[in-house]
Amino acid sequence: MSAKFQQNRATWCGMTIRDFCATILFSAVLLAAPLASAGDDDLDRLRDAVSRGDVMPLSALQQNVRRAFPGEIIGVKLDEDDGIFIYEFKVLQASGRLLEIEMDARDGKVLDVDDDD
């Protein structure tokens, strides 16, 4: 067996290393895209609110979502309503159910859960 063939057979969690890396890269781009499309003013206000401690960092909110709603976060959207930042997370569960979770960015409180089944 050639070294190249053996290298391609290396797996992690049932995926080849190459497929796993591609999945991670795709997920990172998917999660960053909604924030990149937000207006500069929104991002500046959000950044200021995080630095003041008025809003929780996105990474902390993602951890809360992962704990409460097991599955893969496939989308994140940021909305601002009357000066209140609200995140909408789309979570694909292992069962195939797609959940939309609205979360208050200030305290991580779940405001709404929609089952898009």
N, C-alpha and C. Protein backbone atom coordinates (compact mmCIF):
# COMPACT_ATOMS: atom_id res chain seq x y z
N MET A 1 0.85 -1.17 0.00
CA MET A 1 0.00 0.00 0.00
C MET A 1 0.89 1.23 0.00
N SER A 2 0.62 2.18 -0.88
CA SER A 2 1.45 3.37 -0.96
C SER A 2 1.18 4.31 0.20
N ALA A 3 2.16 5.18 0.50
CA ALA A 3 2.01 6.14 1.60
C ALA A 3 0.87 7.12 1.30
N LYS A 4 0.74 7.48 0.01
CA LYS A 4 -0.32 8.42 -0.35
C LYS A 4 -1.70 7.80 -0.08
N PHE A 5 -1.86 6.51 -0.43
CA PHE A 5 -3.13 5.85 -0.18
C PHE A 5 -3.42 5.77 1.31
N GLN A 6 -2.41 5.45 2.11
CA GLN A 6 -2.60 5.37 3.55
C GLN A 6 -2.96 6.73 4.13
N GLN A 7 -2.33 7.79 3.62
CA GLN A 7 -2.60 9.13 4.11
C GLN A 7 -4.07 9.50 3.84
N ASN A 8 -4.59 9.16 2.67
CA ASN A 8 -5.97 9.48 2.32
C ASN A 8 -6.97 8.68 3.15
N ARG A 9 -6.54 7.59 3.76
CA ARG A 9 -7.44 6.77 4.55
C ARG A 9 -7.49 7.22 6.00
N ALA A 10 -6.63 8.14 6.41
CA ALA A 10 -6.65 8.63 7.78
C ALA A 10 -8.02 9.25 8.04
N THR A 11 -8.63 8.87 9.15
CA THR A 11 -9.97 9.36 9.42
C THR A 11 -10.06 9.95 10.82
N TRP A 12 -11.07 10.77 10.98
CA TRP A 12 -11.41 11.34 12.27
C TRP A 12 -12.91 11.45 12.30
N CYS A 13 -13.54 10.84 13.27
CA CYS A 13 -15.00 10.80 13.38
C CYS A 13 -15.65 10.25 12.11
N GLY A 14 -15.01 9.27 11.50
CA GLY A 14 -15.59 8.63 10.33
C GLY A 14 -15.41 9.38 9.03
N MET A 15 -14.74 10.52 9.05
CA MET A 15 -14.49 11.29 7.82
C MET A 15 -12.99 11.29 7.55
N THR A 16 -12.65 11.41 6.28
CA THR A 16 -11.24 11.58 5.99
C THR A 16 -10.81 12.94 6.52
N ILE A 17 -9.55 13.07 6.81
CA ILE A 17 -9.04 14.33 7.34
C ILE A 17 -9.33 15.46 6.36
N ARG A 18 -9.19 15.20 5.09
CA ARG A 18 -9.45 16.22 4.07
C ARG A 18 -10.92 16.66 4.10
N ASP A 19 -11.85 15.70 4.20
CA ASP A 19 -13.28 16.03 4.27
C ASP A 19 -13.60 16.79 5.55
N PHE A 20 -12.99 16.37 6.66
CA PHE A 20 -13.21 17.05 7.94
C PHE A 20 -12.75 18.51 7.86
N CYS A 21 -11.56 18.74 7.32
CA CYS A 21 -11.03 20.10 7.19
C CYS A 21 -11.92 20.95 6.28
N ALA A 22 -12.41 20.35 5.20
CA ALA A 22 -13.29 21.09 4.30
C ALA A 22 -14.59 21.46 5.00
N THR A 23 -15.11 20.56 5.83
CA THR A 23 -16.34 20.83 6.58
C THR A 23 -16.13 21.97 7.57
N ILE A 24 -15.00 21.95 8.27
CA ILE A 24 -14.69 23.01 9.24
C ILE A 24 -14.56 24.35 8.52
N LEU A 25 -13.86 24.38 7.41
CA LEU A 25 -13.68 25.62 6.66
C LEU A 25 -15.02 26.14 6.16
N PHE A 26 -15.84 25.26 5.62
CA PHE A 26 -17.16 25.66 5.13
C PHE A 26 -18.01 26.23 6.27
N SER A 27 -17.98 25.58 7.43
CA SER A 27 -18.76 26.05 8.58
C SER A 27 -18.29 27.43 9.04
N ALA A 28 -16.98 27.64 9.05
CA ALA A 28 -16.45 28.94 9.48
C ALA A 28 -16.90 30.05 8.53
N VAL A 29 -16.85 29.77 7.23
CA VAL A 29 -17.29 30.76 6.24
C VAL A 29 -18.79 31.01 6.38
N LEU A 30 -19.56 29.94 6.59
CA LEU A 30 -21.00 30.07 6.72
C LEU A 30 -21.38 30.90 7.93
N LEU A 31 -20.69 30.70 9.05
CA LEU A 31 -21.00 31.44 10.26
C LEU A 31 -20.54 32.89 10.19
N ALA A 32 -19.46 33.15 9.45
CA ALA A 32 -18.94 34.51 9.36
C ALA A 32 -19.71 35.34 8.34
N ALA A 33 -20.32 34.72 7.35
CA ALA A 33 -20.98 35.45 6.27
C ALA A 33 -22.07 36.41 6.74
N PRO A 34 -22.97 36.00 7.65
CA PRO A 34 -24.01 36.96 8.06
C PRO A 34 -23.44 38.21 8.72
N LEU A 35 -22.38 38.05 9.49
CA LEU A 35 -21.79 39.22 10.13
C LEU A 35 -21.10 40.12 9.12
N ALA A 36 -20.51 39.51 8.09
CA ALA A 36 -19.84 40.30 7.07
C ALA A 36 -20.84 41.10 6.26
N SER A 37 -22.07 40.59 6.13
CA SER A 37 -23.06 41.29 5.33
C SER A 37 -23.80 42.37 6.13
N ALA A 38 -23.64 42.36 7.43
CA ALA A 38 -24.28 43.40 8.24
C ALA A 38 -23.62 44.74 7.93
N GLY A 39 -24.37 45.82 8.11
CA GLY A 39 -23.84 47.14 7.85
C GLY A 39 -22.71 47.49 8.80
N ASP A 40 -21.79 48.34 8.35
CA ASP A 40 -20.66 48.75 9.18
C ASP A 40 -21.13 49.41 10.47
N ASP A 41 -22.19 50.22 10.39
CA ASP A 41 -22.71 50.88 11.59
C ASP A 41 -23.21 49.86 12.61
N ASP A 42 -23.92 48.82 12.11
CA ASP A 42 -24.40 47.77 13.01
C ASP A 42 -23.24 47.06 13.68
N LEU A 43 -22.22 46.74 12.91
CA LEU A 43 -21.07 46.04 13.47
C LEU A 43 -20.33 46.91 14.49
N ASP A 44 -20.22 48.19 14.20
CA ASP A 44 -19.57 49.10 15.15
C ASP A 44 -20.36 49.19 16.45
N ARG A 45 -21.69 49.30 16.34
CA ARG A 45 -22.53 49.36 17.54
C ARG A 45 -22.45 48.05 18.33
N LEU A 46 -22.44 46.94 17.60
CA LEU A 46 -22.34 45.64 18.26
C LEU A 46 -20.99 45.50 18.96
N ARG A 47 -19.93 45.86 18.28
CA ARG A 47 -18.58 45.78 18.86
C ARG A 47 -18.49 46.63 20.12
N ASP A 48 -19.03 47.85 20.06
CA ASP A 48 -19.03 48.73 21.23
C ASP A 48 -19.85 48.13 22.37
N ALA A 49 -21.01 47.54 22.03
CA ALA A 49 -21.86 46.94 23.07
C ALA A 49 -21.17 45.76 23.73
N VAL A 50 -20.44 44.97 22.96
CA VAL A 50 -19.70 43.83 23.53
C VAL A 50 -18.59 44.33 24.44
N SER A 51 -17.87 45.35 23.99
CA SER A 51 -16.76 45.87 24.81
C SER A 51 -17.26 46.51 26.11
N ARG A 52 -18.46 47.09 26.10
CA ARG A 52 -19.05 47.65 27.32
C ARG A 52 -19.65 46.58 28.22
N GLY A 53 -19.83 45.38 27.68
CA GLY A 53 -20.45 44.31 28.46
C GLY A 53 -21.96 44.30 28.37
N ASP A 54 -22.51 45.10 27.46
CA ASP A 54 -23.96 45.16 27.28
C ASP A 54 -24.49 43.98 26.47
N VAL A 55 -23.60 43.36 25.70
CA VAL A 55 -23.96 42.24 24.84
C VAL A 55 -22.93 41.14 25.04
N MET A 56 -23.40 39.90 25.08
CA MET A 56 -22.50 38.76 25.22
C MET A 56 -21.78 38.51 23.89
N PRO A 57 -20.53 38.03 23.95
CA PRO A 57 -19.83 37.68 22.71
C PRO A 57 -20.56 36.55 21.98
N LEU A 58 -20.48 36.57 20.66
CA LEU A 58 -21.13 35.54 19.84
C LEU A 58 -20.66 34.15 20.24
N SER A 59 -19.39 33.98 20.55
CA SER A 59 -18.87 32.65 20.91
C SER A 59 -19.57 32.10 22.14
N ALA A 60 -19.86 32.95 23.13
CA ALA A 60 -20.55 32.51 24.34
C ALA A 60 -22.00 32.12 24.02
N LEU A 61 -22.64 32.90 23.15
CA LEU A 61 -24.02 32.59 22.77
C LEU A 61 -24.08 31.28 21.98
N GLN A 62 -23.09 31.05 21.13
CA GLN A 62 -23.05 29.79 20.37
C GLN A 62 -22.91 28.60 21.32
N GLN A 63 -22.08 28.73 22.35
CA GLN A 63 -21.94 27.65 23.33
C GLN A 63 -23.28 27.37 24.01
N ASN A 64 -24.02 28.42 24.37
CA ASN A 64 -25.33 28.25 24.99
C ASN A 64 -26.29 27.50 24.06
N VAL A 65 -26.27 27.87 22.79
CA VAL A 65 -27.14 27.22 21.81
C VAL A 65 -26.77 25.75 21.67
N ARG A 66 -25.47 25.47 21.57
CA ARG A 66 -25.03 24.07 21.42
C ARG A 66 -25.42 23.21 22.62
N ARG A 67 -25.35 23.79 23.81
CA ARG A 67 -25.73 23.02 25.01
C ARG A 67 -27.23 22.76 25.05
N ALA A 68 -28.03 23.77 24.75
CA ALA A 68 -29.48 23.65 24.87
C ALA A 68 -30.14 22.95 23.68
N PHE A 69 -29.52 23.06 22.50
CA PHE A 69 -30.11 22.52 21.28
C PHE A 69 -29.04 21.75 20.51
N PRO A 70 -28.78 20.50 20.89
CA PRO A 70 -27.73 19.72 20.22
C PRO A 70 -27.95 19.65 18.71
N GLY A 71 -26.88 19.81 17.99
CA GLY A 71 -26.91 19.78 16.54
C GLY A 71 -25.84 20.69 15.99
N GLU A 72 -25.91 20.91 14.71
CA GLU A 72 -24.91 21.74 14.03
C GLU A 72 -25.52 23.11 13.73
N ILE A 73 -24.83 24.16 14.17
CA ILE A 73 -25.26 25.52 13.84
C ILE A 73 -24.89 25.76 12.38
N ILE A 74 -25.92 25.95 11.55
CA ILE A 74 -25.65 26.12 10.12
C ILE A 74 -25.88 27.55 9.65
N GLY A 75 -26.36 28.40 10.54
CA GLY A 75 -26.56 29.78 10.15
C GLY A 75 -26.73 30.68 11.37
N VAL A 76 -26.26 31.91 11.23
CA VAL A 76 -26.41 32.91 12.29
C VAL A 76 -26.78 34.22 11.61
N LYS A 77 -27.82 34.85 12.15
CA LYS A 77 -28.26 36.13 11.61
C LYS A 77 -28.37 37.11 12.77
N LEU A 78 -27.96 38.33 12.56
CA LEU A 78 -28.02 39.37 13.57
C LEU A 78 -29.06 40.40 13.17
N ASP A 79 -29.98 40.69 14.08
CA ASP A 79 -30.98 41.74 13.88
C ASP A 79 -30.87 42.72 15.02
N GLU A 80 -31.24 43.96 14.76
CA GLU A 80 -31.33 44.97 15.81
C GLU A 80 -32.73 45.53 15.76
N ASP A 81 -33.41 45.49 16.90
CA ASP A 81 -34.77 45.99 17.00
C ASP A 81 -34.85 46.95 18.17
N ASP A 82 -35.05 48.23 17.87
CA ASP A 82 -35.11 49.28 18.91
C ASP A 82 -33.89 49.26 19.81
N GLY A 83 -32.71 49.11 19.20
CA GLY A 83 -31.48 49.14 19.97
C GLY A 83 -31.14 47.84 20.67
N ILE A 84 -31.94 46.80 20.48
CA ILE A 84 -31.69 45.50 21.10
C ILE A 84 -31.20 44.54 20.03
N PHE A 85 -30.03 43.96 20.26
CA PHE A 85 -29.48 43.00 19.31
C PHE A 85 -30.06 41.62 19.59
N ILE A 86 -30.52 40.99 18.53
CA ILE A 86 -31.10 39.65 18.62
C ILE A 86 -30.41 38.77 17.57
N TYR A 87 -29.93 37.62 18.04
CA TYR A 87 -29.33 36.64 17.13
C TYR A 87 -30.36 35.58 16.80
N GLU A 88 -30.36 35.17 15.55
CA GLU A 88 -31.17 34.03 15.13
C GLU A 88 -30.20 32.94 14.69
N PHE A 89 -30.25 31.82 15.36
CA PHE A 89 -29.41 30.68 15.04
C PHE A 89 -30.25 29.63 14.33
N LYS A 90 -29.72 29.06 13.28
CA LYS A 90 -30.35 27.91 12.63
C LYS A 90 -29.53 26.69 13.01
N VAL A 91 -30.20 25.71 13.60
CA VAL A 91 -29.54 24.51 14.08
C VAL A 91 -30.14 23.29 13.40
N LEU A 92 -29.29 22.49 12.77
CA LEU A 92 -29.72 21.25 12.14
C LEU A 92 -29.41 20.13 13.11
N GLN A 93 -30.46 19.47 13.59
CA GLN A 93 -30.28 18.39 14.55
C GLN A 93 -30.03 17.07 13.82
N ALA A 94 -29.49 16.10 14.55
CA ALA A 94 -29.16 14.80 13.97
C ALA A 94 -30.39 14.13 13.36
N SER A 95 -31.55 14.41 13.90
CA SER A 95 -32.80 13.82 13.40
C SER A 95 -33.24 14.44 12.07
N GLY A 96 -32.57 15.53 11.68
CA GLY A 96 -32.94 16.22 10.44
C GLY A 96 -33.84 17.43 10.68
N ARG A 97 -34.26 17.63 11.92
CA ARG A 97 -35.08 18.80 12.25
C ARG A 97 -34.24 20.06 12.16
N LEU A 98 -34.84 21.11 11.61
CA LEU A 98 -34.19 22.41 11.54
C LEU A 98 -34.87 23.34 12.54
N LEU A 99 -34.09 23.85 13.48
CA LEU A 99 -34.62 24.77 14.48
C LEU A 99 -34.11 26.17 14.21
N GLU A 100 -34.98 27.16 14.43
CA GLU A 100 -34.57 28.56 14.41
C GLU A 100 -34.74 29.08 15.83
N ILE A 101 -33.63 29.50 16.42
CA ILE A 101 -33.64 29.96 17.79
C ILE A 101 -33.31 31.44 17.82
N GLU A 102 -34.21 32.25 18.38
CA GLU A 102 -33.94 33.68 18.56
C GLU A 102 -33.45 33.87 19.98
N MET A 103 -32.34 34.60 20.11
CA MET A 103 -31.71 34.77 21.41
C MET A 103 -31.34 36.23 21.62
N ASP A 104 -31.68 36.74 22.79
CA ASP A 104 -31.32 38.10 23.18
C ASP A 104 -29.81 38.13 23.39
N ALA A 105 -29.13 39.00 22.67
CA ALA A 105 -27.67 39.06 22.74
C ALA A 105 -27.17 39.64 24.06
N ARG A 106 -28.04 40.31 24.81
CA ARG A 106 -27.61 40.90 26.09
C ARG A 106 -27.36 39.85 27.15
N ASP A 107 -28.32 38.90 27.26
CA ASP A 107 -28.23 37.95 28.37
C ASP A 107 -28.30 36.49 27.94
N GLY A 108 -28.43 36.24 26.65
CA GLY A 108 -28.50 34.87 26.16
C GLY A 108 -29.85 34.21 26.35
N LYS A 109 -30.85 34.99 26.73
CA LYS A 109 -32.19 34.44 26.94
C LYS A 109 -32.80 34.03 25.60
N VAL A 110 -33.35 32.81 25.58
CA VAL A 110 -34.02 32.32 24.37
C VAL A 110 -35.38 33.00 24.29
N LEU A 111 -35.61 33.70 23.19
CA LEU A 111 -36.85 34.45 23.00
C LEU A 111 -37.90 33.65 22.25
N ASP A 112 -37.43 32.79 21.32
CA ASP A 112 -38.36 32.04 20.49
C ASP A 112 -37.64 30.85 19.87
N VAL A 113 -38.36 29.76 19.71
CA VAL A 113 -37.83 28.59 19.02
C VAL A 113 -38.88 28.17 18.00
N ASP A 114 -38.48 28.13 16.73
CA ASP A 114 -39.36 27.66 15.67
C ASP A 114 -38.81 26.36 15.12
N ASP A 115 -39.69 25.41 14.94
CA ASP A 115 -39.34 24.13 14.35
C ASP A 115 -39.76 24.18 12.89
N ASP A 116 -38.79 24.21 11.98
CA ASP A 116 -39.08 24.32 10.56
C ASP A 116 -39.32 22.96 9.91
N ASP A 117 -39.84 22.03 10.65
CA ASP A 117 -40.10 20.69 10.11
C ASP A 117 -41.22 20.71 9.12
